[in-house]
Amino acid sequence: MEKTVALLVTLDTKHEEAGFLKEQVESRGDQVLLIDIGVIGEAGVTADVTREDLALAGGSSMEVLLKNPTREVAGPVMVKGGIKVLSDRIKTNQVHAVIGLGGTQGTSSCCDIMQALPYGFPKIMVSTVASGDTSNFVGIKDITMMFSVSDILNLNQFTRKILANAAAAACGMADVEAKFDMKKSDKPLIGMSNLGVLTLGTIEAVKLFHAKGYEVIVFHAVGSGGRAMEQMMKEGLIGAVFDYAMGEIADDVWGVLRAGGPERLTVAGKLGLPQVLCPGGAEHLGIIVPPNEVPEEYKDHKYVFHSPVVFVPRLNAEEIVRVADDICKRLQHTKDKAYFMVPKQGVGTYSTPGGVLEDKKSDKAFFDRLKEKLPENIEVIERDTYAEDPVFVSEAVDRLISLIEERAEG
């Protein structure tokens, strides 16, 4: 079946590259929707969606934008227009993949548009800056970043090969039959957070959920993972949550590696989703350091290196109370019944009895503050075991399923 690949390009500077990409896509039997995201220069070829069309879709006009053309003013309008144009066509099955071309500015604009598109929809960004830190461009969406190596400034035998690869990738992705289809089951898709110190427990939980007929998406709780899980809640893709890992909250308090952001741990409560919680991995921080170098301020702490450049200090009793307070503050948004599971023998591999970060005084301060400040509708379940204990995990799974079934009956 013939598919349509959208191309997001500034046609004043990259019309030759756009023309070549168009040829490559069409040579594979697919169509192209050429979208001009440029503003100032003259388009070198005619777009299917012109810059004038895009500006209008973005709530302005090219005439207005050109009166005092600045990137700060024009950029958001063109991005808004691109989101509307593509979203409308995706909903009506008229576009099946998108490719963006750009340097720093083009990558920002194209990726801002792509971040607003559905999960699973193919998104490829051919960029001069794709070999650096692309976290701001990718955000929490499934954007494929492709390093152009050379500048995207003229056609030559090298750039032709890179662009041909991008075209082939987009056509291949557009032709994939697998769908992210939520209509396959009347049971909600479960979101679950995980960290390396909880992996065995996560594997056990997934096995148990599967045995009860539930599918699970596991998110690595390193900041982007938790935010992606909550974005999927907002989009209606995830309908219940086993929030097993809370290291993102600890790191957010200190502003370090796994910081989950201000919304983390609030979305499920605001949406009224069934949730079971566990403070997995919240007893330590993750800090990027030079290889095997201990920061001066943590030399009096227990610590371990998760990798040569990821330093993991144990929070002491005074410090961990700040984490408990922050967790409780975020969970004030939870108005419905929920369960908070407390494993008194350790919230992760490092802090179990005999573990390198074991600290019973800190654990007690943490758990006592949680019990004191959690909302009354969140029932605290204390168990004298560790977070990865199969019995503990099984109870958490059963409690989440019971909440799901209660909501379904109600």
Protein backbone atom coordinates (compact mmCIF):
# COMPACT_ATOMS: atom_id res chain seq x y z
CA MET A 1 0.00 0.00 0.00
CA GLU A 2 1.33 3.44 -0.96
CA LYS A 3 2.31 5.58 2.06
CA THR A 4 2.99 9.30 2.45
CA VAL A 5 6.15 10.68 4.04
CA ALA A 6 6.07 14.31 5.18
CA LEU A 7 9.24 16.38 4.78
CA LEU A 8 9.84 19.34 7.11
CA VAL A 9 12.36 21.58 5.34
CA THR A 10 13.33 25.25 4.99
CA LEU A 11 12.95 25.46 1.24
CA ASP A 12 14.96 28.68 0.86
CA THR A 13 18.22 26.97 1.89
CA LYS A 14 17.58 23.24 1.53
CA HIS A 15 15.40 22.89 -1.57
CA GLU A 16 17.99 20.75 -3.38
CA GLU A 17 18.19 18.31 -0.48
CA ALA A 18 14.39 18.28 -0.25
CA GLY A 19 14.12 17.53 -3.95
CA PHE A 20 16.55 14.63 -3.64
CA LEU A 21 14.71 13.23 -0.62
CA LYS A 22 11.45 13.49 -2.54
CA GLU A 23 12.94 11.51 -5.44
CA GLN A 24 14.23 8.84 -3.07
CA VAL A 25 10.87 8.39 -1.36
CA GLU A 26 8.98 8.30 -4.65
CA SER A 27 11.45 5.78 -6.10
CA ARG A 28 10.29 3.43 -3.36
CA GLY A 29 6.67 3.76 -4.43
CA ASP A 30 5.57 6.21 -1.75
CA GLN A 31 4.38 9.82 -1.87
CA VAL A 32 5.78 12.98 -0.30
CA LEU A 33 4.04 15.84 1.49
CA LEU A 34 6.56 18.69 1.26
CA ILE A 35 6.14 21.23 4.08
CA ASP A 36 8.06 24.52 3.99
CA ILE A 37 9.00 25.71 7.49
CA GLY A 38 11.10 28.63 6.23
CA VAL A 39 10.14 32.26 6.76
CA ILE A 40 12.39 34.83 5.11
CA GLY A 41 14.09 33.58 1.92
CA GLU A 42 12.44 32.55 -1.34
CA ALA A 43 11.44 28.90 -1.61
CA GLY A 44 13.53 27.12 -4.23
CA VAL A 45 10.74 24.67 -5.06
CA THR A 46 6.98 24.67 -4.62
CA ALA A 47 5.78 23.10 -1.38
CA ASP A 48 2.61 21.07 -0.91
CA VAL A 49 2.11 23.01 2.32
CA THR A 50 3.61 26.45 1.82
CA ARG A 51 5.02 28.72 4.49
CA GLU A 52 1.92 30.87 4.03
CA ASP A 53 -0.27 27.83 4.75
CA LEU A 54 1.81 27.00 7.81
CA ALA A 55 1.66 30.53 9.23
CA LEU A 56 -2.12 30.59 8.88
CA ALA A 57 -2.40 27.19 10.56
CA GLY A 58 -0.26 28.62 13.35
CA GLY A 59 -2.63 31.51 13.95
CA SER A 60 -0.84 34.31 12.08
CA SER A 61 0.08 35.22 8.51
CA MET A 62 3.31 35.50 6.59
CA GLU A 63 2.58 39.18 6.03
CA VAL A 64 2.52 39.79 9.79
CA LEU A 65 5.62 37.68 10.43
CA LEU A 66 7.62 39.51 7.77
CA LYS A 67 6.88 42.98 9.17
CA ASN A 68 9.54 42.43 11.83
CA PRO A 69 10.94 38.97 11.17
CA THR A 70 12.64 37.39 14.16
CA ARG A 71 13.11 33.74 15.05
CA GLU A 72 11.60 34.37 18.49
CA VAL A 73 8.33 35.53 16.92
CA ALA A 74 8.15 33.40 13.78
CA GLY A 75 9.42 30.12 15.22
CA PRO A 76 6.52 29.35 17.58
CA VAL A 77 3.97 30.24 14.86
CA MET A 78 5.54 27.90 12.32
CA VAL A 79 5.88 25.13 14.90
CA LYS A 80 2.22 25.50 15.91
CA GLY A 81 1.23 25.38 12.25
CA GLY A 82 3.36 22.31 11.61
CA ILE A 83 1.78 20.51 14.55
CA LYS A 84 -1.73 21.27 13.32
CA VAL A 85 -1.04 20.34 9.70
CA LEU A 86 0.60 17.03 10.57
CA SER A 87 -1.74 16.10 13.43
CA ASP A 88 -4.81 16.60 11.24
CA ARG A 89 -3.36 14.42 8.51
CA ILE A 90 -2.16 11.73 10.89
CA LYS A 91 -5.65 11.45 12.40
CA THR A 92 -7.11 10.89 8.92
CA ASN A 93 -4.36 8.44 7.89
CA GLN A 94 -2.98 10.78 5.21
CA VAL A 95 0.60 10.87 6.52
CA HIS A 96 2.56 7.86 7.74
CA ALA A 97 6.07 9.17 8.60
CA VAL A 98 7.97 12.44 8.85
CA ILE A 99 11.56 13.47 8.10
CA GLY A 100 13.07 16.75 9.26
CA LEU A 101 16.27 18.37 7.97
CA GLY A 102 18.17 21.03 9.86
CA GLY A 103 21.03 22.58 11.75
CA THR A 104 20.49 23.99 15.21
CA GLN A 105 17.47 26.16 14.38
CA GLY A 106 15.90 23.68 11.97
CA THR A 107 16.43 20.81 14.39
CA SER A 108 14.75 22.78 17.19
CA SER A 109 11.72 23.64 15.05
CA CYS A 110 11.32 20.19 13.50
CA CYS A 111 11.74 18.39 16.83
CA ASP A 112 9.29 20.73 18.57
CA ILE A 113 6.76 19.65 15.95
CA MET A 114 7.69 15.97 16.27
CA GLN A 115 7.40 16.03 20.06
CA ALA A 116 3.70 16.86 19.66
CA LEU A 117 3.03 13.86 17.39
CA PRO A 118 1.75 10.49 18.65
CA TYR A 119 3.96 7.80 20.11
CA GLY A 120 4.69 5.16 17.50
CA PHE A 121 4.35 7.52 14.54
CA PRO A 122 7.72 7.39 12.68
CA LYS A 123 9.80 10.53 13.26
CA ILE A 124 13.30 10.93 11.78
CA MET A 125 15.45 14.03 12.29
CA VAL A 126 18.50 14.38 10.02
CA SER A 127 20.58 16.91 11.93
CA THR A 128 24.04 18.43 12.05
CA VAL A 129 23.86 18.39 15.86
CA ALA A 130 22.73 14.80 16.37
CA SER A 131 26.09 13.61 17.71
CA GLY A 132 25.89 15.86 20.78
CA ASP A 133 23.43 16.01 23.67
CA THR A 134 20.08 15.61 21.91
CA SER A 135 17.93 15.34 25.06
CA ASN A 136 16.28 18.74 24.52
CA PHE A 137 15.45 17.84 20.91
CA VAL A 138 14.12 14.34 21.61
CA GLY A 139 12.37 15.19 24.87
CA ILE A 140 10.25 12.17 25.83
CA LYS A 141 9.07 11.22 22.34
CA ASP A 142 10.35 8.45 20.05
CA ILE A 143 12.32 10.68 17.66
CA THR A 144 15.09 8.97 15.70
CA MET A 145 18.08 11.32 15.52
CA MET A 146 20.33 10.78 12.47
CA PHE A 147 23.68 12.59 12.36
CA SER A 148 24.23 14.18 8.97
CA VAL A 149 28.02 14.34 9.64
CA SER A 150 28.50 17.11 7.06
CA ASP A 151 26.51 20.32 6.95
CA ILE A 152 23.22 20.05 5.07
CA LEU A 153 24.23 22.73 2.60
CA ASN A 154 24.67 21.10 -0.80
CA LEU A 155 24.29 17.79 -2.57
CA ASN A 156 27.36 15.63 -3.05
CA GLN A 157 28.02 11.91 -3.11
CA PHE A 158 28.19 11.78 0.69
CA THR A 159 25.05 13.79 1.51
CA ARG A 160 23.13 11.87 -1.16
CA LYS A 161 23.93 8.63 0.65
CA ILE A 162 22.90 10.02 4.06
CA LEU A 163 19.63 11.39 2.68
CA ALA A 164 18.92 8.18 0.77
CA ASN A 165 19.34 6.25 4.03
CA ALA A 166 16.90 8.61 5.75
CA ALA A 167 14.35 8.17 2.97
CA ALA A 168 14.69 4.39 3.10
CA ALA A 169 14.31 4.41 6.90
CA ALA A 170 11.16 6.54 6.74
CA CYS A 171 9.57 4.42 4.03
CA GLY A 172 10.42 1.26 5.96
CA MET A 173 8.97 2.63 9.19
CA ALA A 174 5.84 3.83 7.42
CA ASP A 175 5.31 0.35 6.00
CA VAL A 176 5.53 -1.46 9.35
CA GLU A 177 2.23 -3.18 10.15
CA ALA A 178 2.66 -3.30 13.94
CA LYS A 179 0.34 -0.81 15.63
CA PHE A 180 0.17 0.69 19.11
CA ASP A 181 -3.48 -0.37 19.40
CA MET A 182 -5.21 0.09 22.75
CA LYS A 183 -8.39 -1.64 21.54
CA LYS A 184 -6.97 -5.15 21.80
CA SER A 185 -7.99 -5.58 25.45
CA ASP A 186 -10.51 -4.14 27.86
CA LYS A 187 -7.82 -4.23 30.57
CA PRO A 188 -5.80 -1.04 31.04
CA LEU A 189 -2.18 -0.89 29.98
CA ILE A 190 -0.03 -0.68 33.12
CA GLY A 191 2.90 1.71 33.42
CA MET A 192 5.72 0.64 35.73
CA SER A 193 8.86 2.51 36.78
CA ASN A 194 12.15 0.68 37.29
CA LEU A 195 15.79 1.19 38.22
CA GLY A 196 18.75 -1.16 37.98
CA VAL A 197 18.55 -1.77 41.73
CA LEU A 198 15.00 -3.11 41.24
CA THR A 199 15.28 -5.07 38.01
CA LEU A 200 14.69 -8.54 39.47
CA GLY A 201 11.54 -7.29 41.16
CA THR A 202 10.39 -5.65 37.95
CA ILE A 203 10.87 -8.86 35.98
CA GLU A 204 8.81 -10.71 38.59
CA ALA A 205 6.05 -8.09 38.51
CA VAL A 206 5.81 -8.17 34.71
CA LYS A 207 5.55 -11.97 34.81
CA LEU A 208 2.72 -11.76 37.36
CA PHE A 209 0.84 -9.06 35.45
CA HIS A 210 1.11 -11.09 32.25
CA ALA A 211 -0.29 -14.14 34.05
CA LYS A 212 -3.37 -12.06 34.91
CA GLY A 213 -3.79 -10.86 31.32
CA TYR A 214 -2.28 -7.38 31.68
CA GLU A 215 0.33 -5.76 29.45
CA VAL A 216 3.01 -3.62 31.06
CA ILE A 217 5.26 -0.84 29.76
CA VAL A 218 8.37 -0.52 31.93
CA PHE A 219 10.08 2.88 32.13
CA HIS A 220 13.67 3.40 33.24
CA ALA A 221 13.24 5.99 35.99
CA VAL A 222 16.17 8.23 35.07
CA GLY A 223 14.18 11.43 34.53
CA SER A 224 13.04 11.01 30.95
CA GLY A 225 11.51 7.61 31.76
CA GLY A 226 9.20 8.86 34.48
CA ARG A 227 8.18 11.87 32.42
CA ALA A 228 7.40 9.65 29.43
CA MET A 229 5.29 7.35 31.61
CA GLU A 230 3.27 10.31 32.84
CA GLN A 231 2.90 11.75 29.34
CA MET A 232 1.39 8.43 28.28
CA MET A 233 -1.04 8.72 31.19
CA LYS A 234 -2.09 12.15 29.93
CA GLU A 235 -2.59 10.78 26.42
CA GLY A 236 -4.83 8.01 27.74
CA LEU A 237 -2.44 5.21 26.79
CA ILE A 238 -1.64 4.09 30.33
CA GLY A 239 -4.56 3.36 32.64
CA ALA A 240 -2.93 2.13 35.85
CA VAL A 241 0.46 2.55 37.52
CA PHE A 242 2.89 0.52 39.60
CA ASP A 243 5.31 3.32 40.52
CA TYR A 244 8.03 1.03 41.83
CA ALA A 245 11.01 3.44 41.54
CA MET A 246 11.26 6.92 43.05
CA GLY A 247 14.91 7.78 42.54
CA GLU A 248 13.70 10.53 40.24
CA ILE A 249 12.25 12.33 43.26
CA ALA A 250 15.46 12.09 45.30
CA ASP A 251 17.49 13.40 42.38
CA ASP A 252 14.98 16.16 41.73
CA VAL A 253 15.39 17.44 45.30
CA TRP A 254 19.14 17.72 44.68
CA GLY A 255 18.95 18.63 40.98
CA VAL A 256 21.13 15.75 39.80
CA LEU A 257 21.15 12.98 37.18
CA ARG A 258 17.72 11.32 37.41
CA ALA A 259 15.66 14.42 38.26
CA GLY A 260 12.06 13.77 37.24
CA GLY A 261 10.77 17.33 37.15
CA PRO A 262 7.98 19.06 39.08
CA GLU A 263 5.11 16.97 37.67
CA ARG A 264 6.64 13.62 38.51
CA LEU A 265 4.43 11.60 40.87
CA THR A 266 1.46 13.94 40.45
CA VAL A 267 -0.18 12.91 37.17
CA ALA A 268 -1.73 9.57 38.16
CA GLY A 269 -3.29 11.23 41.19
CA LYS A 270 -4.69 14.14 39.19
CA LEU A 271 -6.18 11.73 36.64
CA GLY A 272 -7.57 9.37 39.25
CA LEU A 273 -5.70 6.33 37.91
CA PRO A 274 -5.29 3.21 40.06
CA GLN A 275 -1.81 3.29 41.55
CA VAL A 276 0.45 1.33 43.85
CA LEU A 277 3.64 3.06 44.95
CA CYS A 278 7.00 2.01 46.35
CA PRO A 279 9.97 4.31 47.13
CA GLY A 280 12.43 2.13 45.21
CA GLY A 281 15.88 3.63 44.79
CA ALA A 282 14.97 6.82 46.65
CA GLU A 283 17.58 6.28 49.36
CA HIS A 284 20.47 7.34 47.13
CA LEU A 285 21.38 9.88 44.45
CA GLY A 286 22.87 9.47 40.99
CA ILE A 287 25.59 12.02 40.23
CA ILE A 288 27.75 12.32 37.11
CA VAL A 289 31.42 12.66 38.06
CA PRO A 290 34.85 12.27 36.44
CA PRO A 291 35.70 8.54 36.35
CA ASN A 292 35.86 7.08 39.86
CA GLU A 293 36.16 10.49 41.53
CA VAL A 294 34.35 10.99 44.86
CA PRO A 295 32.95 14.51 45.32
CA GLU A 296 34.36 16.22 48.40
CA GLU A 297 30.91 16.81 49.97
CA TYR A 298 30.11 13.09 49.94
CA LYS A 299 33.37 11.62 51.28
CA ASP A 300 31.74 11.16 54.70
CA HIS A 301 28.77 9.26 53.17
CA LYS A 302 28.37 5.63 52.28
CA TYR A 303 28.68 5.38 48.50
CA VAL A 304 29.16 3.12 45.51
CA PHE A 305 29.90 3.69 41.82
CA HIS A 306 27.02 2.48 39.63
CA SER A 307 29.44 2.93 36.72
CA PRO A 308 32.82 4.71 36.58
CA VAL A 309 31.05 8.05 35.98
CA VAL A 310 27.83 7.55 37.98
CA PHE A 311 28.51 8.15 41.66
CA VAL A 312 25.84 6.91 44.10
CA PRO A 313 25.90 8.34 47.64
CA ARG A 314 23.55 7.12 50.35
CA LEU A 315 21.39 9.85 51.85
CA ASN A 316 21.72 10.18 55.61
CA ALA A 317 18.77 10.47 58.00
CA GLU A 318 18.60 14.27 57.83
CA GLU A 319 18.84 14.35 54.04
CA ILE A 320 16.36 11.58 53.29
CA VAL A 321 13.59 13.32 55.24
CA ARG A 322 13.68 16.01 52.52
CA VAL A 323 12.93 13.30 49.96
CA ALA A 324 10.05 11.96 52.05
CA ASP A 325 8.60 15.45 52.39
CA ASP A 326 8.79 15.98 48.63
CA ILE A 327 7.13 12.62 47.88
CA CYS A 328 4.30 13.43 50.29
CA LYS A 329 3.84 16.90 48.82
CA ARG A 330 3.52 15.50 45.28
CA LEU A 331 1.09 12.80 46.39
CA GLN A 332 -1.32 15.38 47.81
CA HIS A 333 -2.71 15.36 44.26
CA THR A 334 -3.90 11.77 44.80
CA LYS A 335 -7.52 12.00 45.90
CA ASP A 336 -8.57 8.38 45.29
CA LYS A 337 -7.58 5.26 47.16
CA ALA A 338 -4.00 4.11 46.60
CA TYR A 339 -1.41 1.89 48.28
CA PHE A 340 2.11 2.87 49.33
CA MET A 341 4.26 -0.23 49.84
CA VAL A 342 7.18 0.12 52.28
CA PRO A 343 9.89 -2.63 52.23
CA LYS A 344 11.53 -2.12 55.66
CA GLN A 345 14.59 -4.21 54.76
CA GLY A 346 15.67 -2.07 51.84
CA VAL A 347 14.24 -0.10 48.92
CA GLY A 348 16.74 -1.49 46.42
CA THR A 349 19.68 -3.86 45.98
CA TYR A 350 22.22 -1.47 47.45
CA SER A 351 20.38 -0.96 50.76
CA THR A 352 19.30 -4.51 51.63
CA PRO A 353 20.90 -6.13 54.72
CA GLY A 354 24.63 -6.36 54.04
CA GLY A 355 24.37 -4.06 51.04
CA VAL A 356 26.92 -1.32 50.41
CA LEU A 357 24.36 1.41 51.20
CA GLU A 358 22.56 -0.22 54.12
CA ASP A 359 21.60 2.41 56.73
CA LYS A 360 18.83 1.48 59.15
CA LYS A 361 18.81 4.89 60.84
CA SER A 362 18.20 6.61 57.49
CA ASP A 363 15.58 4.02 56.53
CA LYS A 364 13.67 4.60 59.77
CA ALA A 365 13.71 8.37 59.35
CA PHE A 366 12.47 7.97 55.78
CA PHE A 367 9.65 5.56 56.55
CA ASP A 368 8.53 7.40 59.67
CA ARG A 369 8.19 10.68 57.77
CA LEU A 370 6.27 8.99 54.94
CA LYS A 371 3.81 7.47 57.40
CA GLU A 372 3.41 10.82 59.12
CA LYS A 373 2.75 12.95 56.03
CA LEU A 374 1.17 10.81 53.32
CA PRO A 375 -2.50 11.65 52.59
CA GLU A 376 -4.99 9.54 54.54
CA ASN A 377 -6.45 8.05 51.36
CA ILE A 378 -3.08 6.45 50.59
CA GLU A 379 -2.81 3.33 52.72
CA VAL A 380 0.72 2.55 53.89
CA ILE A 381 1.57 -1.15 53.75
CA GLU A 382 4.74 -1.99 55.71
CA ARG A 383 6.43 -5.33 55.17
CA ASP A 384 9.53 -6.64 56.94
CA THR A 385 11.31 -7.54 53.71
CA TYR A 386 13.14 -5.96 50.77
CA ALA A 387 11.79 -4.34 47.61
CA GLU A 388 12.72 -7.19 45.24
CA ASP A 389 11.33 -9.98 47.43
CA PRO A 390 8.93 -11.95 45.21
CA VAL A 391 6.36 -12.04 48.01
CA PHE A 392 6.49 -8.25 48.36
CA VAL A 393 6.22 -7.78 44.58
CA SER A 394 3.34 -10.25 44.35
CA GLU A 395 1.37 -8.34 46.98
CA ALA A 396 1.96 -5.05 45.16
CA VAL A 397 0.73 -6.57 41.90
CA ASP A 398 -2.34 -8.04 43.55
CA ARG A 399 -3.18 -4.73 45.22
CA LEU A 400 -2.97 -2.84 41.92
CA ILE A 401 -5.18 -5.38 40.19
CA SER A 402 -7.68 -5.09 43.04
CA LEU A 403 -7.82 -1.30 42.55
CA ILE A 404 -8.32 -1.75 38.81
CA GLU A 405 -11.14 -4.21 39.36
CA GLU A 406 -12.79 -1.98 41.99
CA ARG A 407 -12.79 0.93 39.53
CA ALA A 408 -14.22 -1.30 36.78
CA GLU A 409 -17.05 -2.48 39.02
CA GLY A 410 -17.77 1.03 40.23
